[in-house]
Amino acid sequence: MNNIKTVFSIGDLEGLSGIKAHTIRIWEKRYGLLSPERSENNLRYYGLDELRKLLNVVLLTGYGVKISKVAKMRTEEIEMMVGEIRVGREDIKHTLHLFKLAMMTFDQPLFLDATDHLLIKMPFEKVFLEYYIPFLQEIGLMWQAGTIQPAHEHFISCLIRMILIQQISLCSRRVRKGTVPAYVLFLPFGEIHELGLMFLQYLITSYGEGCVYLGSSIPLDSLSEVTKLFRGVTFITYMTVLPEEKPLDEYVEALLEKVRDNHSQLWIVGRRVAELTLDDRDSLTLFTTLQDIAAKLS
């Protein structure tokens, strides 16, 4: 993991904390809040400890604690106050702070503990849609801005995947033995972004419905093996970047031909649905967001 980012510019701090670089400099000069190092070119740079402190300070000031008070506190006191504020709260601002802190410091227990705290008060469906999705969207913005490295994104994705597998396993007993699958879930060949599809597997399973989960990167031709066995089911796929086998409209037409042959339906969710120009959409239902398809499944 030699691509882990451990040194940050003031621009990185701005992107991660949401506090303008000008304000960060004022906090440094007036309150001595952070102590950046200097490069050979005399440019400020900050380590993980400085980033962690800033994120905690931003959280506290967001809840009304004056910066002048926070600046006088030791790091241990700041972290203790953050922990105290957490009690009784599950608002998104605080939770995203914990998720972000866990991501930047590769702190698995912190991320899992923050999730467990939410699960005490709400179902996993709400945790995923109202907390994980906004966080993943924020990760995407940080990735585009170059604020985080691939290791950060992969770390969080693997943790969410692990939690999804756990939740799917927990509710799998609701599917009675002998239940005929009503859904077939898959991603197009080359598509590996699986978290959204796994969430749909969780939803279907939690409702006691049977489904065949094929996972990521499924060649179009291999679906024929499924259509031979199951008729009148709903095929669900998630399109974020791909397919790569064919142009989008041509790929969807080929999919529709397969599902119509055995009287099935095709549901597609993801940002690429906006690009479809098909005139014939019989047996096809499009969803822009996971929230839309979750509402349909409920």
C-alpha atoms as a PDB file:
ATOM      1  CA  MET A   1       0.000   0.000   0.000  1.00  0.00           C
ATOM      2  CA  ASN A   2       2.771   2.405  -0.902  1.00  0.00           C
ATOM      3  CA  ASN A   3       0.264   4.733  -2.565  1.00  0.00           C
ATOM      4  CA  ILE A   4      -1.302   5.703   0.774  1.00  0.00           C
ATOM      5  CA  LYS A   5      -1.333   9.451   1.132  1.00  0.00           C
ATOM      6  CA  THR A   6       0.245  10.624   4.385  1.00  0.00           C
ATOM      7  CA  VAL A   7       1.286  14.171   3.429  1.00  0.00           C
ATOM      8  CA  PHE A   8      -1.282  16.854   2.607  1.00  0.00           C
ATOM      9  CA  SER A   9      -1.178  20.346   1.183  1.00  0.00           C
ATOM     10  CA  ILE A  10      -3.345  23.117   2.553  1.00  0.00           C
ATOM     11  CA  GLY A  11      -5.497  22.614  -0.550  1.00  0.00           C
ATOM     12  CA  ASP A  12      -5.992  18.994   0.472  1.00  0.00           C
ATOM     13  CA  LEU A  13      -7.054  20.097   3.946  1.00  0.00           C
ATOM     14  CA  GLU A  14      -9.549  22.495   2.408  1.00  0.00           C
ATOM     15  CA  GLY A  15     -11.036  19.758   0.236  1.00  0.00           C
ATOM     16  CA  LEU A  16     -11.262  17.250   3.074  1.00  0.00           C
ATOM     17  CA  SER A  17     -12.525  19.567   5.797  1.00  0.00           C
ATOM     18  CA  GLY A  18     -14.658  22.023   3.854  1.00  0.00           C
ATOM     19  CA  ILE A  19     -12.823  24.921   5.530  1.00  0.00           C
ATOM     20  CA  LYS A  20     -11.237  27.510   3.261  1.00  0.00           C
ATOM     21  CA  ALA A  21      -7.435  27.581   3.154  1.00  0.00           C
ATOM     22  CA  HIS A  22      -7.560  31.252   4.202  1.00  0.00           C
ATOM     23  CA  THR A  23      -9.440  30.297   7.386  1.00  0.00           C
ATOM     24  CA  ILE A  24      -7.029  27.452   8.130  1.00  0.00           C
ATOM     25  CA  ARG A  25      -4.122  29.888   7.895  1.00  0.00           C
ATOM     26  CA  ILE A  26      -5.887  32.292  10.269  1.00  0.00           C
ATOM     27  CA  TRP A  27      -6.451  29.460  12.765  1.00  0.00           C
ATOM     28  CA  GLU A  28      -2.762  28.597  12.531  1.00  0.00           C
ATOM     29  CA  LYS A  29      -1.562  32.167  12.980  1.00  0.00           C
ATOM     30  CA  ARG A  30      -4.043  33.344  15.603  1.00  0.00           C
ATOM     31  CA  TYR A  31      -4.547  30.189  17.650  1.00  0.00           C
ATOM     32  CA  GLY A  32      -1.588  27.966  16.781  1.00  0.00           C
ATOM     33  CA  LEU A  33      -4.103  25.263  15.923  1.00  0.00           C
ATOM     34  CA  LEU A  34      -1.892  23.372  13.452  1.00  0.00           C
ATOM     35  CA  SER A  35       1.872  23.150  13.076  1.00  0.00           C
ATOM     36  CA  PRO A  36       2.686  22.427   9.433  1.00  0.00           C
ATOM     37  CA  GLU A  37       6.098  21.356   8.256  1.00  0.00           C
ATOM     38  CA  ARG A  38       7.880  23.135   5.421  1.00  0.00           C
ATOM     39  CA  SER A  39       9.184  21.554   2.225  1.00  0.00           C
ATOM     40  CA  GLU A  40      12.476  22.455   0.589  1.00  0.00           C
ATOM     41  CA  ASN A  41      10.478  24.934  -1.479  1.00  0.00           C
ATOM     42  CA  ASN A  42       9.056  26.461   1.721  1.00  0.00           C
ATOM     43  CA  LEU A  43       5.559  25.106   1.073  1.00  0.00           C
ATOM     44  CA  ARG A  44       3.350  24.028   3.971  1.00  0.00           C
ATOM     45  CA  TYR A  45       2.554  20.362   4.304  1.00  0.00           C
ATOM     46  CA  TYR A  46       0.605  18.466   6.948  1.00  0.00           C
ATOM     47  CA  GLY A  47       0.621  14.917   8.300  1.00  0.00           C
ATOM     48  CA  LEU A  48      -2.217  12.584   9.262  1.00  0.00           C
ATOM     49  CA  ASP A  49      -2.238  13.793  12.865  1.00  0.00           C
ATOM     50  CA  GLU A  50      -2.767  17.371  11.726  1.00  0.00           C
ATOM     51  CA  LEU A  51      -5.532  16.303   9.371  1.00  0.00           C
ATOM     52  CA  ARG A  52      -7.243  14.295  12.092  1.00  0.00           C
ATOM     53  CA  LYS A  53      -7.091  17.241  14.464  1.00  0.00           C
ATOM     54  CA  LEU A  54      -8.514  19.635  11.880  1.00  0.00           C
ATOM     55  CA  LEU A  55     -11.423  17.323  11.054  1.00  0.00           C
ATOM     56  CA  ASN A  56     -12.266  17.026  14.736  1.00  0.00           C
ATOM     57  CA  VAL A  57     -12.030  20.774  15.241  1.00  0.00           C
ATOM     58  CA  VAL A  58     -14.326  21.409  12.290  1.00  0.00           C
ATOM     59  CA  LEU A  59     -16.874  19.017  13.755  1.00  0.00           C
ATOM     60  CA  LEU A  60     -16.814  20.743  17.144  1.00  0.00           C
ATOM     61  CA  THR A  61     -17.081  24.243  15.713  1.00  0.00           C
ATOM     62  CA  GLY A  62     -19.956  23.020  13.579  1.00  0.00           C
ATOM     63  CA  TYR A  63     -21.809  22.188  16.792  1.00  0.00           C
ATOM     64  CA  GLY A  64     -21.204  25.644  18.221  1.00  0.00           C
ATOM     65  CA  VAL A  65     -17.962  25.209  20.174  1.00  0.00           C
ATOM     66  CA  LYS A  66     -15.888  28.366  19.717  1.00  0.00           C
ATOM     67  CA  ILE A  67     -12.597  27.980  17.888  1.00  0.00           C
ATOM     68  CA  SER A  68     -10.870  29.980  20.632  1.00  0.00           C
ATOM     69  CA  LYS A  69     -11.924  27.312  23.148  1.00  0.00           C
ATOM     70  CA  VAL A  70     -11.024  24.335  20.978  1.00  0.00           C
ATOM     71  CA  ALA A  71      -7.590  25.786  20.218  1.00  0.00           C
ATOM     72  CA  LYS A  72      -6.700  25.711  23.923  1.00  0.00           C
ATOM     73  CA  MET A  73      -7.597  22.052  24.295  1.00  0.00           C
ATOM     74  CA  ARG A  74      -5.151  19.174  24.050  1.00  0.00           C
ATOM     75  CA  THR A  75      -5.634  16.706  21.202  1.00  0.00           C
ATOM     76  CA  GLU A  76      -6.865  14.081  23.676  1.00  0.00           C
ATOM     77  CA  GLU A  77      -9.465  16.495  25.035  1.00  0.00           C
ATOM     78  CA  ILE A  78     -10.684  17.324  21.531  1.00  0.00           C
ATOM     79  CA  GLU A  79     -11.130  13.657  20.688  1.00  0.00           C
ATOM     80  CA  MET A  80     -12.919  13.049  23.993  1.00  0.00           C
ATOM     81  CA  MET A  81     -15.364  15.875  23.273  1.00  0.00           C
ATOM     82  CA  VAL A  82     -15.994  14.491  19.789  1.00  0.00           C
ATOM     83  CA  GLY A  83     -16.840  11.144  21.381  1.00  0.00           C
ATOM     84  CA  GLU A  84     -19.201  12.801  23.846  1.00  0.00           C
ATOM     85  CA  ILE A  85     -21.015  14.689  21.105  1.00  0.00           C
ATOM     86  CA  ARG A  86     -21.555  11.445  19.285  1.00  0.00           C
ATOM     87  CA  VAL A  87     -23.715  10.012  22.078  1.00  0.00           C
ATOM     88  CA  GLY A  88     -27.352  10.231  21.058  1.00  0.00           C
ATOM     89  CA  ARG A  89     -26.588  11.548  17.568  1.00  0.00           C
ATOM     90  CA  GLU A  90     -26.952   9.909  14.198  1.00  0.00           C
ATOM     91  CA  ASP A  91     -27.087  13.029  12.021  1.00  0.00           C
ATOM     92  CA  ILE A  92     -25.326  12.781   8.717  1.00  0.00           C
ATOM     93  CA  LYS A  93     -22.821  15.552   9.409  1.00  0.00           C
ATOM     94  CA  HIS A  94     -21.367  13.782  12.414  1.00  0.00           C
ATOM     95  CA  THR A  95     -21.450  10.347  10.818  1.00  0.00           C
ATOM     96  CA  LEU A  96     -19.755  11.500   7.611  1.00  0.00           C
ATOM     97  CA  HIS A  97     -17.078  13.076   9.766  1.00  0.00           C
ATOM     98  CA  LEU A  98     -16.410   9.713  11.424  1.00  0.00           C
ATOM     99  CA  PHE A  99     -16.466   7.889   8.087  1.00  0.00           C
ATOM    100  CA  LYS A 100     -14.026  10.385   6.590  1.00  0.00           C
ATOM    101  CA  LEU A 101     -11.730  10.158   9.585  1.00  0.00           C
ATOM    102  CA  ALA A 102     -11.806   6.359   9.388  1.00  0.00           C
ATOM    103  CA  MET A 103     -10.993   6.484   5.679  1.00  0.00           C
ATOM    104  CA  MET A 104      -8.049   8.869   5.977  1.00  0.00           C
ATOM    105  CA  THR A 105      -6.493   6.996   8.909  1.00  0.00           C
ATOM    106  CA  PHE A 106      -7.449   3.487   7.701  1.00  0.00           C
ATOM    107  CA  ASP A 107      -9.271   2.900  10.973  1.00  0.00           C
ATOM    108  CA  GLN A 108     -11.532  -0.124  10.410  1.00  0.00           C
ATOM    109  CA  PRO A 109     -12.878  -0.290  14.008  1.00  0.00           C
ATOM    110  CA  LEU A 110     -13.958   3.364  13.814  1.00  0.00           C
ATOM    111  CA  PHE A 111     -15.919   2.811  10.602  1.00  0.00           C
ATOM    112  CA  LEU A 112     -17.564  -0.373  11.881  1.00  0.00           C
ATOM    113  CA  ASP A 113     -18.365   1.198  15.235  1.00  0.00           C
ATOM    114  CA  ALA A 114     -19.974   4.224  13.537  1.00  0.00           C
ATOM    115  CA  THR A 115     -22.082   1.848  11.439  1.00  0.00           C
ATOM    116  CA  ASP A 116     -23.100  -0.213  14.479  1.00  0.00           C
ATOM    117  CA  HIS A 117     -24.167   2.993  16.214  1.00  0.00           C
ATOM    118  CA  LEU A 118     -26.520   3.729  13.305  1.00  0.00           C
ATOM    119  CA  LEU A 119     -27.866   0.174  13.133  1.00  0.00           C
ATOM    120  CA  ILE A 120     -29.030   0.393  16.729  1.00  0.00           C
ATOM    121  CA  LYS A 121     -31.469   3.113  15.693  1.00  0.00           C
ATOM    122  CA  MET A 122     -32.420   2.357  12.100  1.00  0.00           C
ATOM    123  CA  PRO A 123     -32.616  -0.464   9.510  1.00  0.00           C
ATOM    124  CA  PHE A 124     -29.660  -1.169   7.276  1.00  0.00           C
ATOM    125  CA  GLU A 125     -31.608   0.042   4.236  1.00  0.00           C
ATOM    126  CA  LYS A 126     -31.659   3.554   5.698  1.00  0.00           C
ATOM    127  CA  VAL A 127     -27.989   3.365   6.695  1.00  0.00           C
ATOM    128  CA  PHE A 128     -27.003   2.487   3.141  1.00  0.00           C
ATOM    129  CA  LEU A 129     -29.219   4.981   1.308  1.00  0.00           C
ATOM    130  CA  GLU A 130     -28.914   7.939   3.663  1.00  0.00           C
ATOM    131  CA  TYR A 131     -25.351   7.542   4.952  1.00  0.00           C
ATOM    132  CA  TYR A 132     -23.254   5.277   2.729  1.00  0.00           C
ATOM    133  CA  ILE A 133     -24.488   6.704  -0.571  1.00  0.00           C
ATOM    134  CA  PRO A 134     -23.764  10.361   0.326  1.00  0.00           C
ATOM    135  CA  PHE A 135     -20.358   9.316   1.642  1.00  0.00           C
ATOM    136  CA  LEU A 136     -19.518   7.386  -1.522  1.00  0.00           C
ATOM    137  CA  GLN A 137     -20.591  10.408  -3.568  1.00  0.00           C
ATOM    138  CA  GLU A 138     -18.294  12.616  -1.507  1.00  0.00           C
ATOM    139  CA  ILE A 139     -15.463  10.126  -2.031  1.00  0.00           C
ATOM    140  CA  GLY A 140     -16.042  10.462  -5.773  1.00  0.00           C
ATOM    141  CA  LEU A 141     -15.637  14.238  -5.549  1.00  0.00           C
ATOM    142  CA  MET A 142     -12.486  13.913  -3.445  1.00  0.00           C
ATOM    143  CA  TRP A 143     -11.115  11.409  -5.952  1.00  0.00           C
ATOM    144  CA  GLN A 144     -11.709  13.826  -8.843  1.00  0.00           C
ATOM    145  CA  ALA A 145     -10.004  16.601  -6.896  1.00  0.00           C
ATOM    146  CA  GLY A 146      -6.972  14.396  -6.209  1.00  0.00           C
ATOM    147  CA  THR A 147      -7.436  14.725  -2.441  1.00  0.00           C
ATOM    148  CA  ILE A 148      -7.475  10.980  -1.797  1.00  0.00           C
ATOM    149  CA  GLN A 149      -5.619   8.004  -3.226  1.00  0.00           C
ATOM    150  CA  PRO A 150      -6.970   4.684  -4.601  1.00  0.00           C
ATOM    151  CA  ALA A 151      -6.085   3.001  -1.313  1.00  0.00           C
ATOM    152  CA  HIS A 152      -8.574   5.212   0.546  1.00  0.00           C
ATOM    153  CA  GLU A 153     -11.425   4.423  -1.831  1.00  0.00           C
ATOM    154  CA  HIS A 154     -10.644   0.705  -1.884  1.00  0.00           C
ATOM    155  CA  PHE A 155     -10.443   0.571   1.910  1.00  0.00           C
ATOM    156  CA  ILE A 156     -13.950   1.989   2.321  1.00  0.00           C
ATOM    157  CA  SER A 157     -15.415  -0.043  -0.546  1.00  0.00           C
ATOM    158  CA  CYS A 158     -14.095  -3.266   0.962  1.00  0.00           C
ATOM    159  CA  LEU A 159     -15.541  -2.400   4.368  1.00  0.00           C
ATOM    160  CA  ILE A 160     -18.973  -1.614   2.919  1.00  0.00           C
ATOM    161  CA  ARG A 161     -18.829  -4.812   0.881  1.00  0.00           C
ATOM    162  CA  MET A 162     -18.024  -6.776   4.035  1.00  0.00           C
ATOM    163  CA  ILE A 163     -20.978  -5.201   5.866  1.00  0.00           C
ATOM    164  CA  LEU A 164     -23.287  -5.906   2.919  1.00  0.00           C
ATOM    165  CA  ILE A 165     -22.294  -9.567   2.905  1.00  0.00           C
ATOM    166  CA  GLN A 166     -22.961  -9.726   6.636  1.00  0.00           C
ATOM    167  CA  GLN A 167     -26.395  -8.127   6.263  1.00  0.00           C
ATOM    168  CA  ILE A 168     -27.328 -10.390   3.332  1.00  0.00           C
ATOM    169  CA  SER A 169     -26.325 -13.419   5.379  1.00  0.00           C
ATOM    170  CA  LEU A 170     -28.394 -12.264   8.354  1.00  0.00           C
ATOM    171  CA  CYS A 171     -31.593 -11.905   6.344  1.00  0.00           C
ATOM    172  CA  SER A 172     -31.064 -14.925   4.078  1.00  0.00           C
ATOM    173  CA  ARG A 173     -33.064 -17.098   6.481  1.00  0.00           C
ATOM    174  CA  ARG A 174     -36.188 -15.161   5.474  1.00  0.00           C
ATOM    175  CA  VAL A 175     -36.075 -16.866   2.074  1.00  0.00           C
ATOM    176  CA  ARG A 176     -37.881 -20.151   2.523  1.00  0.00           C
ATOM    177  CA  LYS A 177     -36.468 -23.358   1.145  1.00  0.00           C
ATOM    178  CA  GLY A 178     -37.857 -24.046  -2.316  1.00  0.00           C
ATOM    179  CA  THR A 179     -38.612 -20.387  -3.089  1.00  0.00           C
ATOM    180  CA  VAL A 180     -38.426 -19.862  -6.839  1.00  0.00           C
ATOM    181  CA  PRO A 181     -36.121 -16.929  -7.676  1.00  0.00           C
ATOM    182  CA  ALA A 182     -38.004 -13.836  -8.784  1.00  0.00           C
ATOM    183  CA  TYR A 183     -34.919 -11.781  -9.696  1.00  0.00           C
ATOM    184  CA  VAL A 184     -31.576 -12.248 -11.442  1.00  0.00           C
ATOM    185  CA  LEU A 185     -28.904  -9.668 -10.570  1.00  0.00           C
ATOM    186  CA  PHE A 186     -25.774  -9.048 -12.622  1.00  0.00           C
ATOM    187  CA  LEU A 187     -23.355  -6.405 -13.881  1.00  0.00           C
ATOM    188  CA  PRO A 188     -22.304  -6.038 -17.530  1.00  0.00           C
ATOM    189  CA  PHE A 189     -19.004  -7.522 -18.625  1.00  0.00           C
ATOM    190  CA  GLY A 190     -16.163  -5.298 -17.432  1.00  0.00           C
ATOM    191  CA  GLU A 191     -18.294  -3.519 -14.817  1.00  0.00           C
ATOM    192  CA  ILE A 192     -16.866  -4.114 -11.332  1.00  0.00           C
ATOM    193  CA  HIS A 193     -18.672  -1.491  -9.212  1.00  0.00           C
ATOM    194  CA  GLU A 194     -20.764  -3.993  -7.291  1.00  0.00           C
ATOM    195  CA  LEU A 195     -21.915  -2.258  -4.088  1.00  0.00           C
ATOM    196  CA  GLY A 196     -25.205  -0.975  -5.496  1.00  0.00           C
ATOM    197  CA  LEU A 197     -26.094  -4.382  -6.907  1.00  0.00           C
ATOM    198  CA  MET A 198     -25.225  -6.062  -3.605  1.00  0.00           C
ATOM    199  CA  PHE A 199     -27.543  -3.628  -1.835  1.00  0.00           C
ATOM    200  CA  LEU A 200     -30.370  -4.711  -4.150  1.00  0.00           C
ATOM    201  CA  GLN A 201     -29.602  -8.335  -3.280  1.00  0.00           C
ATOM    202  CA  TYR A 202     -29.907  -7.383   0.378  1.00  0.00           C
ATOM    203  CA  LEU A 203     -33.273  -5.676  -0.201  1.00  0.00           C
ATOM    204  CA  ILE A 204     -34.734  -8.580  -2.169  1.00  0.00           C
ATOM    205  CA  THR A 205     -33.509 -11.104   0.386  1.00  0.00           C
ATOM    206  CA  SER A 206     -34.808  -9.022   3.301  1.00  0.00           C
ATOM    207  CA  TYR A 207     -38.292  -9.178   1.755  1.00  0.00           C
ATOM    208  CA  GLY A 208     -38.110 -12.983   1.630  1.00  0.00           C
ATOM    209  CA  GLU A 209     -37.855 -13.071  -2.164  1.00  0.00           C
ATOM    210  CA  GLY A 210     -35.536 -15.454  -3.962  1.00  0.00           C
ATOM    211  CA  CYS A 211     -32.875 -14.129  -6.305  1.00  0.00           C
ATOM    212  CA  VAL A 212     -29.972 -15.383  -8.367  1.00  0.00           C
ATOM    213  CA  TYR A 213     -26.954 -13.175  -7.759  1.00  0.00           C
ATOM    214  CA  LEU A 214     -24.398 -13.436 -10.564  1.00  0.00           C
ATOM    215  CA  GLY A 215     -22.200 -10.512  -9.502  1.00  0.00           C
ATOM    216  CA  SER A 216     -19.861  -8.411 -11.600  1.00  0.00           C
ATOM    217  CA  SER A 217     -18.517  -8.616 -15.147  1.00  0.00           C
ATOM    218  CA  ILE A 218     -21.005 -11.104 -16.625  1.00  0.00           C
ATOM    219  CA  PRO A 219     -20.677 -11.792 -20.375  1.00  0.00           C
ATOM    220  CA  LEU A 220     -23.935 -11.308 -22.222  1.00  0.00           C
ATOM    221  CA  ASP A 221     -23.943 -14.807 -23.704  1.00  0.00           C
ATOM    222  CA  SER A 222     -23.681 -16.451 -20.291  1.00  0.00           C
ATOM    223  CA  LEU A 223     -27.139 -15.143 -19.351  1.00  0.00           C
ATOM    224  CA  SER A 224     -28.589 -17.742 -21.694  1.00  0.00           C
ATOM    225  CA  GLU A 225     -27.833 -20.401 -19.087  1.00  0.00           C
ATOM    226  CA  VAL A 226     -30.079 -18.550 -16.627  1.00  0.00           C
ATOM    227  CA  THR A 227     -32.925 -17.906 -19.063  1.00  0.00           C
ATOM    228  CA  LYS A 228     -33.067 -21.648 -19.781  1.00  0.00           C
ATOM    229  CA  LEU A 229     -33.922 -22.327 -16.139  1.00  0.00           C
ATOM    230  CA  PHE A 230     -36.054 -19.389 -15.055  1.00  0.00           C
ATOM    231  CA  ARG A 231     -39.032 -17.842 -16.840  1.00  0.00           C
ATOM    232  CA  GLY A 232     -41.044 -14.786 -15.932  1.00  0.00           C
ATOM    233  CA  VAL A 233     -38.344 -13.316 -13.680  1.00  0.00           C
ATOM    234  CA  THR A 234     -36.930  -9.791 -13.446  1.00  0.00           C
ATOM    235  CA  PHE A 235     -33.356  -9.251 -14.559  1.00  0.00           C
ATOM    236  CA  ILE A 236     -31.672  -6.307 -12.811  1.00  0.00           C
ATOM    237  CA  THR A 237     -28.414  -4.722 -13.883  1.00  0.00           C
ATOM    238  CA  TYR A 238     -26.532  -1.651 -12.732  1.00  0.00           C
ATOM    239  CA  MET A 239     -24.768   0.577 -15.285  1.00  0.00           C
ATOM    240  CA  THR A 240     -22.349   3.222 -14.063  1.00  0.00           C
ATOM    241  CA  VAL A 241     -19.545   3.213 -16.660  1.00  0.00           C
ATOM    242  CA  LEU A 242     -19.946   0.132 -18.851  1.00  0.00           C
ATOM    243  CA  PRO A 243     -21.001  -2.161 -20.765  1.00  0.00           C
ATOM    244  CA  GLU A 244     -18.007  -2.508 -23.003  1.00  0.00           C
ATOM    245  CA  GLU A 245     -19.106  -5.466 -25.161  1.00  0.00           C
ATOM    246  CA  LYS A 246     -21.379  -3.365 -27.400  1.00  0.00           C
ATOM    247  CA  PRO A 247     -22.642   0.223 -27.762  1.00  0.00           C
ATOM    248  CA  LEU A 248     -25.178   0.946 -25.027  1.00  0.00           C
ATOM    249  CA  ASP A 249     -28.380   0.801 -27.082  1.00  0.00           C
ATOM    250  CA  GLU A 250     -27.213  -2.303 -28.920  1.00  0.00           C
ATOM    251  CA  TYR A 251     -26.298  -3.987 -25.637  1.00  0.00           C
ATOM    252  CA  VAL A 252     -29.687  -3.254 -24.078  1.00  0.00           C
ATOM    253  CA  GLU A 253     -31.483  -4.457 -27.220  1.00  0.00           C
ATOM    254  CA  ALA A 254     -29.569  -7.743 -26.972  1.00  0.00           C
ATOM    255  CA  LEU A 255     -30.521  -8.026 -23.303  1.00  0.00           C
ATOM    256  CA  LEU A 256     -34.168  -7.354 -24.053  1.00  0.00           C
ATOM    257  CA  GLU A 257     -34.180 -10.028 -26.727  1.00  0.00           C
ATOM    258  CA  LYS A 258     -33.002 -12.578 -24.176  1.00  0.00           C
ATOM    259  CA  VAL A 259     -35.477 -11.646 -21.441  1.00  0.00           C
ATOM    260  CA  ARG A 260     -38.466 -11.332 -23.765  1.00  0.00           C
ATOM    261  CA  ASP A 261     -37.861 -14.824 -25.097  1.00  0.00           C
ATOM    262  CA  ASN A 262     -38.756 -16.295 -21.698  1.00  0.00           C
ATOM    263  CA  HIS A 263     -41.378 -13.678 -20.733  1.00  0.00           C
ATOM    264  CA  SER A 264     -39.125 -11.882 -18.259  1.00  0.00           C
ATOM    265  CA  GLN A 265     -38.553  -8.197 -17.480  1.00  0.00           C
ATOM    266  CA  LEU A 266     -35.398  -6.076 -17.503  1.00  0.00           C
ATOM    267  CA  TRP A 267     -34.703  -3.356 -14.941  1.00  0.00           C
ATOM    268  CA  ILE A 268     -31.693  -1.089 -15.368  1.00  0.00           C
ATOM    269  CA  VAL A 269     -30.445   1.349 -12.736  1.00  0.00           C
ATOM    270  CA  GLY A 270     -27.538   3.792 -12.887  1.00  0.00           C
ATOM    271  CA  ARG A 271     -26.456   7.050 -14.460  1.00  0.00           C
ATOM    272  CA  ARG A 272     -26.060   5.543 -17.933  1.00  0.00           C
ATOM    273  CA  VAL A 273     -29.810   5.044 -18.325  1.00  0.00           C
ATOM    274  CA  ALA A 274     -30.021   8.724 -19.314  1.00  0.00           C
ATOM    275  CA  GLU A 275     -28.044   7.888 -22.471  1.00  0.00           C
ATOM    276  CA  LEU A 276     -30.481   5.282 -23.777  1.00  0.00           C
ATOM    277  CA  THR A 277     -32.340   6.290 -26.959  1.00  0.00           C
ATOM    278  CA  LEU A 278     -34.306   3.077 -27.573  1.00  0.00           C
ATOM    279  CA  ASP A 279     -37.791   3.564 -29.005  1.00  0.00           C
ATOM    280  CA  ASP A 280     -39.046   0.112 -28.060  1.00  0.00           C
ATOM    281  CA  ARG A 281     -38.968  -0.145 -24.282  1.00  0.00           C
ATOM    282  CA  ASP A 282     -41.428  -2.960 -23.833  1.00  0.00           C
ATOM    283  CA  SER A 283     -40.361  -5.178 -20.890  1.00  0.00           C
ATOM    284  CA  LEU A 284     -37.832  -2.501 -19.862  1.00  0.00           C
ATOM    285  CA  THR A 285     -37.949  -0.297 -16.737  1.00  0.00           C
ATOM    286  CA  LEU A 286     -35.315   2.350 -16.045  1.00  0.00           C
ATOM    287  CA  PHE A 287     -34.256   3.773 -12.680  1.00  0.00           C
ATOM    288  CA  THR A 288     -31.871   6.680 -12.223  1.00  0.00           C
ATOM    289  CA  THR A 289     -31.049   6.080  -8.549  1.00  0.00           C
ATOM    290  CA  LEU A 290     -30.946   3.282  -6.002  1.00  0.00           C
ATOM    291  CA  GLN A 291     -33.637   5.116  -4.050  1.00  0.00           C
ATOM    292  CA  ASP A 292     -35.992   4.789  -7.042  1.00  0.00           C
ATOM    293  CA  ILE A 293     -35.516   1.062  -7.458  1.00  0.00           C
ATOM    294  CA  ALA A 294     -35.626   0.490  -3.686  1.00  0.00           C
ATOM    295  CA  ALA A 295     -39.043   2.165  -3.613  1.00  0.00           C
ATOM    296  CA  LYS A 296     -40.190  -0.119  -6.456  1.00  0.00           C
ATOM    297  CA  LEU A 297     -39.024  -3.237  -4.620  1.00  0.00           C
ATOM    298  CA  SER A 298     -40.666  -2.307  -1.320  1.00  0.00           C
END
